[in-house]
Amino acid sequence: MYLMNALRGFVMPYLALINTVSSPTIDQQDGVAYYSPTDRGGSMLINAGDGYALLTSSLDGAINFARAIGFSEECFGLHLGGYMPANLGDGNGWVNQTIELRQDYGNAGIGTCLESLIGGNHFRIFVQNGTTADSGALFLAVSREEPNVDRTFGID
């Protein structure tokens, strides 16, 4: 059951089949799976207007699972796009993502560079760890990158 909850909490947002997933059986701090951001003045949207999916797990576990399904850290460790802040209602206010993972097209070393150029899927992870709501829950903002060529050179 634990594995199924973990898979449901991570894979389903990636496939964009559901908007919000919570699993109270996965790692918890403060005795709760997560706190609703809206209960404490936060938002269920990041600053760019994207919504979250919810995964309650460890950050290392989420990164390892992301690698297993074809996602890796930023191209050469560089983040060229804008950071997207989120307010998880945890007392930290609006903070930038903890990490962004991009589709790596089968090559963890340089595949994310390709995702930045030709587009693809990526997601940002935010950790709910503030002084007023320290659940340790991970919130994911999942989106699809448009090809960089279209944005940079204005090609229709």
C-alpha atoms as a PDB file:
ATOM      1  CA  MET A   1       0.000   0.000   0.000  1.00  0.00           C
ATOM      2  CA  TYR A   2       2.850   2.381   0.860  1.00  0.00           C
ATOM      3  CA  LEU A   3       4.424   1.902  -2.577  1.00  0.00           C
ATOM      4  CA  MET A   4       1.104   2.365  -4.360  1.00  0.00           C
ATOM      5  CA  ASN A   5       0.450   5.598  -2.442  1.00  0.00           C
ATOM      6  CA  ALA A   6       3.931   6.864  -3.291  1.00  0.00           C
ATOM      7  CA  LEU A   7       3.498   6.020  -6.973  1.00  0.00           C
ATOM      8  CA  ARG A   8       0.037   7.552  -7.077  1.00  0.00           C
ATOM      9  CA  GLY A   9       1.326  10.705  -5.381  1.00  0.00           C
ATOM     10  CA  PHE A  10       4.192  11.188  -7.834  1.00  0.00           C
ATOM     11  CA  VAL A  11       3.228   9.629 -11.170  1.00  0.00           C
ATOM     12  CA  MET A  12      -0.310  10.934 -11.370  1.00  0.00           C
ATOM     13  CA  PRO A  13       0.665  14.633 -11.224  1.00  0.00           C
ATOM     14  CA  TYR A  14       3.323  13.941 -13.853  1.00  0.00           C
ATOM     15  CA  LEU A  15       0.690  12.498 -16.137  1.00  0.00           C
ATOM     16  CA  ALA A  16      -1.571  15.461 -15.360  1.00  0.00           C
ATOM     17  CA  LEU A  17      -4.472  13.122 -14.660  1.00  0.00           C
ATOM     18  CA  ILE A  18      -5.337  14.707 -11.354  1.00  0.00           C
ATOM     19  CA  ASN A  19      -4.768  18.094  -9.771  1.00  0.00           C
ATOM     20  CA  THR A  20      -4.222  17.263  -6.112  1.00  0.00           C
ATOM     21  CA  VAL A  21      -3.013  14.063  -4.509  1.00  0.00           C
ATOM     22  CA  SER A  22      -2.310  13.524  -0.846  1.00  0.00           C
ATOM     23  CA  SER A  23      -1.204  10.415   0.929  1.00  0.00           C
ATOM     24  CA  PRO A  24      -1.232  10.531   4.711  1.00  0.00           C
ATOM     25  CA  THR A  25       0.725   7.268   4.995  1.00  0.00           C
ATOM     26  CA  ILE A  26       4.006   8.653   3.619  1.00  0.00           C
ATOM     27  CA  ASP A  27       6.665  10.487   5.708  1.00  0.00           C
ATOM     28  CA  GLN A  28       5.125  13.009   8.046  1.00  0.00           C
ATOM     29  CA  GLN A  29       6.385  15.717  10.376  1.00  0.00           C
ATOM     30  CA  ASP A  30       4.231  17.378  13.010  1.00  0.00           C
ATOM     31  CA  GLY A  31       1.900  14.344  12.838  1.00  0.00           C
ATOM     32  CA  VAL A  32       0.160  15.503   9.614  1.00  0.00           C
ATOM     33  CA  ALA A  33       0.735  14.743   5.968  1.00  0.00           C
ATOM     34  CA  TYR A  34       0.451  18.399   4.953  1.00  0.00           C
ATOM     35  CA  TYR A  35      -1.242  21.662   5.850  1.00  0.00           C
ATOM     36  CA  SER A  36      -3.551  23.271   3.330  1.00  0.00           C
ATOM     37  CA  PRO A  37      -1.755  26.426   2.157  1.00  0.00           C
ATOM     38  CA  THR A  38      -5.023  28.370   2.002  1.00  0.00           C
ATOM     39  CA  ASP A  39      -5.708  27.763   5.713  1.00  0.00           C
ATOM     40  CA  ARG A  40      -2.710  29.909   6.628  1.00  0.00           C
ATOM     41  CA  GLY A  41      -2.844  32.700   4.054  1.00  0.00           C
ATOM     42  CA  GLY A  42      -1.033  30.834   1.282  1.00  0.00           C
ATOM     43  CA  SER A  43      -2.157  29.926  -2.201  1.00  0.00           C
ATOM     44  CA  MET A  44      -2.764  26.766  -4.209  1.00  0.00           C
ATOM     45  CA  LEU A  45      -1.178  28.522  -7.199  1.00  0.00           C
ATOM     46  CA  ILE A  46       2.452  29.437  -7.742  1.00  0.00           C
ATOM     47  CA  ASN A  47       3.204  32.994  -8.844  1.00  0.00           C
ATOM     48  CA  ALA A  48       2.985  31.976 -12.524  1.00  0.00           C
ATOM     49  CA  GLY A  49      -0.596  30.770 -12.011  1.00  0.00           C
ATOM     50  CA  ASP A  50       0.197  27.044 -12.188  1.00  0.00           C
ATOM     51  CA  GLY A  51      -1.462  24.832  -9.584  1.00  0.00           C
ATOM     52  CA  TYR A  52       0.255  22.282  -7.351  1.00  0.00           C
ATOM     53  CA  ALA A  53       0.009  18.591  -6.996  1.00  0.00           C
ATOM     54  CA  LEU A  54       0.999  17.239  -3.609  1.00  0.00           C
ATOM     55  CA  LEU A  55       3.494  14.559  -2.742  1.00  0.00           C
ATOM     56  CA  THR A  56       4.335  13.759   0.852  1.00  0.00           C
ATOM     57  CA  SER A  57       7.758  12.162   0.718  1.00  0.00           C
ATOM     58  CA  SER A  58      11.410  13.022   1.170  1.00  0.00           C
ATOM     59  CA  LEU A  59      13.139  15.357  -1.267  1.00  0.00           C
ATOM     60  CA  ASP A  60      15.861  12.772  -1.982  1.00  0.00           C
ATOM     61  CA  GLY A  61      13.229  10.114  -2.643  1.00  0.00           C
ATOM     62  CA  ALA A  62      11.346  12.421  -5.019  1.00  0.00           C
ATOM     63  CA  ILE A  63      14.540  13.245  -6.934  1.00  0.00           C
ATOM     64  CA  ASN A  64      15.501   9.571  -7.221  1.00  0.00           C
ATOM     65  CA  PHE A  65      12.040   8.659  -8.472  1.00  0.00           C
ATOM     66  CA  ALA A  66      12.135  11.566 -10.945  1.00  0.00           C
ATOM     67  CA  ARG A  67      15.397  10.207 -12.339  1.00  0.00           C
ATOM     68  CA  ALA A  68      13.782   6.788 -12.711  1.00  0.00           C
ATOM     69  CA  ILE A  69      11.047   8.248 -14.942  1.00  0.00           C
ATOM     70  CA  GLY A  70      13.381  10.358 -17.111  1.00  0.00           C
ATOM     71  CA  PHE A  71      13.863  13.661 -15.280  1.00  0.00           C
ATOM     72  CA  SER A  72      17.100  15.265 -14.073  1.00  0.00           C
ATOM     73  CA  GLU A  73      18.430  18.450 -12.515  1.00  0.00           C
ATOM     74  CA  GLU A  74      18.993  21.596 -14.576  1.00  0.00           C
ATOM     75  CA  CYS A  75      21.289  21.676 -17.612  1.00  0.00           C
ATOM     76  CA  PHE A  76      24.860  21.734 -16.208  1.00  0.00           C
ATOM     77  CA  GLY A  77      23.366  22.838 -12.897  1.00  0.00           C
ATOM     78  CA  LEU A  78      22.378  26.227 -14.347  1.00  0.00           C
ATOM     79  CA  HIS A  79      18.883  27.658 -14.106  1.00  0.00           C
ATOM     80  CA  LEU A  80      18.366  30.055 -16.999  1.00  0.00           C
ATOM     81  CA  GLY A  81      14.641  30.622 -16.609  1.00  0.00           C
ATOM     82  CA  GLY A  82      12.850  32.571 -13.941  1.00  0.00           C
ATOM     83  CA  TYR A  83      12.289  31.188 -10.484  1.00  0.00           C
ATOM     84  CA  MET A  84       8.662  30.656  -9.580  1.00  0.00           C
ATOM     85  CA  PRO A  85       7.727  31.473  -5.995  1.00  0.00           C
ATOM     86  CA  ALA A  86       4.954  29.783  -4.072  1.00  0.00           C
ATOM     87  CA  ASN A  87       3.317  30.494  -0.728  1.00  0.00           C
ATOM     88  CA  LEU A  88       2.586  27.212   1.049  1.00  0.00           C
ATOM     89  CA  GLY A  89       1.024  28.927   4.037  1.00  0.00           C
ATOM     90  CA  ASP A  90       3.831  27.647   6.248  1.00  0.00           C
ATOM     91  CA  GLY A  91       5.047  31.000   7.542  1.00  0.00           C
ATOM     92  CA  ASN A  92       7.823  31.411   4.978  1.00  0.00           C
ATOM     93  CA  GLY A  93       5.732  33.579   2.627  1.00  0.00           C
ATOM     94  CA  TRP A  94       6.494  33.474  -1.095  1.00  0.00           C
ATOM     95  CA  VAL A  95       9.664  31.422  -1.686  1.00  0.00           C
ATOM     96  CA  ASN A  96      11.277  30.106  -4.857  1.00  0.00           C
ATOM     97  CA  GLN A  97      11.206  26.416  -5.738  1.00  0.00           C
ATOM     98  CA  THR A  98      13.596  24.134  -3.898  1.00  0.00           C
ATOM     99  CA  ILE A  99      14.531  22.357  -7.118  1.00  0.00           C
ATOM    100  CA  GLU A 100      13.351  22.129 -10.717  1.00  0.00           C
ATOM    101  CA  LEU A 101      13.562  18.824 -12.564  1.00  0.00           C
ATOM    102  CA  ARG A 102      13.373  18.664 -16.342  1.00  0.00           C
ATOM    103  CA  GLN A 103      12.721  15.887 -18.822  1.00  0.00           C
ATOM    104  CA  ASP A 104      16.134  14.535 -19.823  1.00  0.00           C
ATOM    105  CA  TYR A 105      15.316  12.643 -23.047  1.00  0.00           C
ATOM    106  CA  GLY A 106      17.290   9.604 -21.893  1.00  0.00           C
ATOM    107  CA  ASN A 107      20.530  11.440 -21.134  1.00  0.00           C
ATOM    108  CA  ALA A 108      20.828  12.670 -17.556  1.00  0.00           C
ATOM    109  CA  GLY A 109      23.992  14.620 -18.373  1.00  0.00           C
ATOM    110  CA  ILE A 110      22.833  16.867 -21.204  1.00  0.00           C
ATOM    111  CA  GLY A 111      19.235  15.855 -21.896  1.00  0.00           C
ATOM    112  CA  THR A 112      17.832  18.678 -19.793  1.00  0.00           C
ATOM    113  CA  CYS A 113      19.689  21.137 -22.060  1.00  0.00           C
ATOM    114  CA  LEU A 114      17.663  19.680 -24.913  1.00  0.00           C
ATOM    115  CA  GLU A 115      14.437  20.119 -22.915  1.00  0.00           C
ATOM    116  CA  SER A 116      15.282  23.796 -22.473  1.00  0.00           C
ATOM    117  CA  LEU A 117      15.735  24.192 -26.240  1.00  0.00           C
ATOM    118  CA  ILE A 118      12.997  22.031 -27.766  1.00  0.00           C
ATOM    119  CA  GLY A 119      10.547  21.959 -24.883  1.00  0.00           C
ATOM    120  CA  GLY A 120       9.230  19.164 -22.756  1.00  0.00           C
ATOM    121  CA  ASN A 121       7.947  18.446 -19.294  1.00  0.00           C
ATOM    122  CA  HIS A 122       9.348  19.759 -16.051  1.00  0.00           C
ATOM    123  CA  PHE A 123       8.265  20.291 -12.499  1.00  0.00           C
ATOM    124  CA  ARG A 124       9.210  22.407  -9.543  1.00  0.00           C
ATOM    125  CA  ILE A 125       9.298  21.084  -5.985  1.00  0.00           C
ATOM    126  CA  PHE A 126       8.411  23.251  -3.000  1.00  0.00           C
ATOM    127  CA  VAL A 127       8.871  22.035   0.590  1.00  0.00           C
ATOM    128  CA  GLN A 128       6.340  22.990   3.274  1.00  0.00           C
ATOM    129  CA  ASN A 129       8.748  23.566   6.156  1.00  0.00           C
ATOM    130  CA  GLY A 130       7.995  26.928   7.750  1.00  0.00           C
ATOM    131  CA  THR A 131       7.533  27.821  11.383  1.00  0.00           C
ATOM    132  CA  THR A 132       3.716  27.717  11.308  1.00  0.00           C
ATOM    133  CA  ALA A 133       3.223  24.594   9.151  1.00  0.00           C
ATOM    134  CA  ASP A 134       6.226  22.270   9.159  1.00  0.00           C
ATOM    135  CA  SER A 135       4.802  19.131   7.560  1.00  0.00           C
ATOM    136  CA  GLY A 136       7.763  18.409   5.298  1.00  0.00           C
ATOM    137  CA  ALA A 137       5.283  17.799   2.464  1.00  0.00           C
ATOM    138  CA  LEU A 138       6.490  18.342  -1.071  1.00  0.00           C
ATOM    139  CA  PHE A 139       4.294  20.353  -3.415  1.00  0.00           C
ATOM    140  CA  LEU A 140       4.860  19.959  -7.158  1.00  0.00           C
ATOM    141  CA  ALA A 141       4.076  22.467  -9.881  1.00  0.00           C
ATOM    142  CA  VAL A 142       4.063  20.483 -13.122  1.00  0.00           C
ATOM    143  CA  SER A 143       4.178  22.144 -16.525  1.00  0.00           C
ATOM    144  CA  ARG A 144       5.295  21.785 -20.119  1.00  0.00           C
ATOM    145  CA  GLU A 145       8.105  23.907 -21.532  1.00  0.00           C
ATOM    146  CA  GLU A 146       7.604  25.553 -24.900  1.00  0.00           C
ATOM    147  CA  PRO A 147      10.545  25.421 -27.336  1.00  0.00           C
ATOM    148  CA  ASN A 148      13.073  28.149 -26.546  1.00  0.00           C
ATOM    149  CA  VAL A 149      13.446  29.020 -30.239  1.00  0.00           C
ATOM    150  CA  ASP A 150       9.834  30.194 -30.401  1.00  0.00           C
ATOM    151  CA  ARG A 151      10.266  32.490 -27.400  1.00  0.00           C
ATOM    152  CA  THR A 152      13.701  33.841 -28.233  1.00  0.00           C
ATOM    153  CA  PHE A 153      13.320  34.582 -31.924  1.00  0.00           C
ATOM    154  CA  GLY A 154       9.589  35.178 -32.153  1.00  0.00           C
ATOM    155  CA  ILE A 155       8.962  32.465 -34.746  1.00  0.00           C
ATOM    156  CA  ASP A 156       5.256  31.714 -35.296  1.00  0.00           C
END
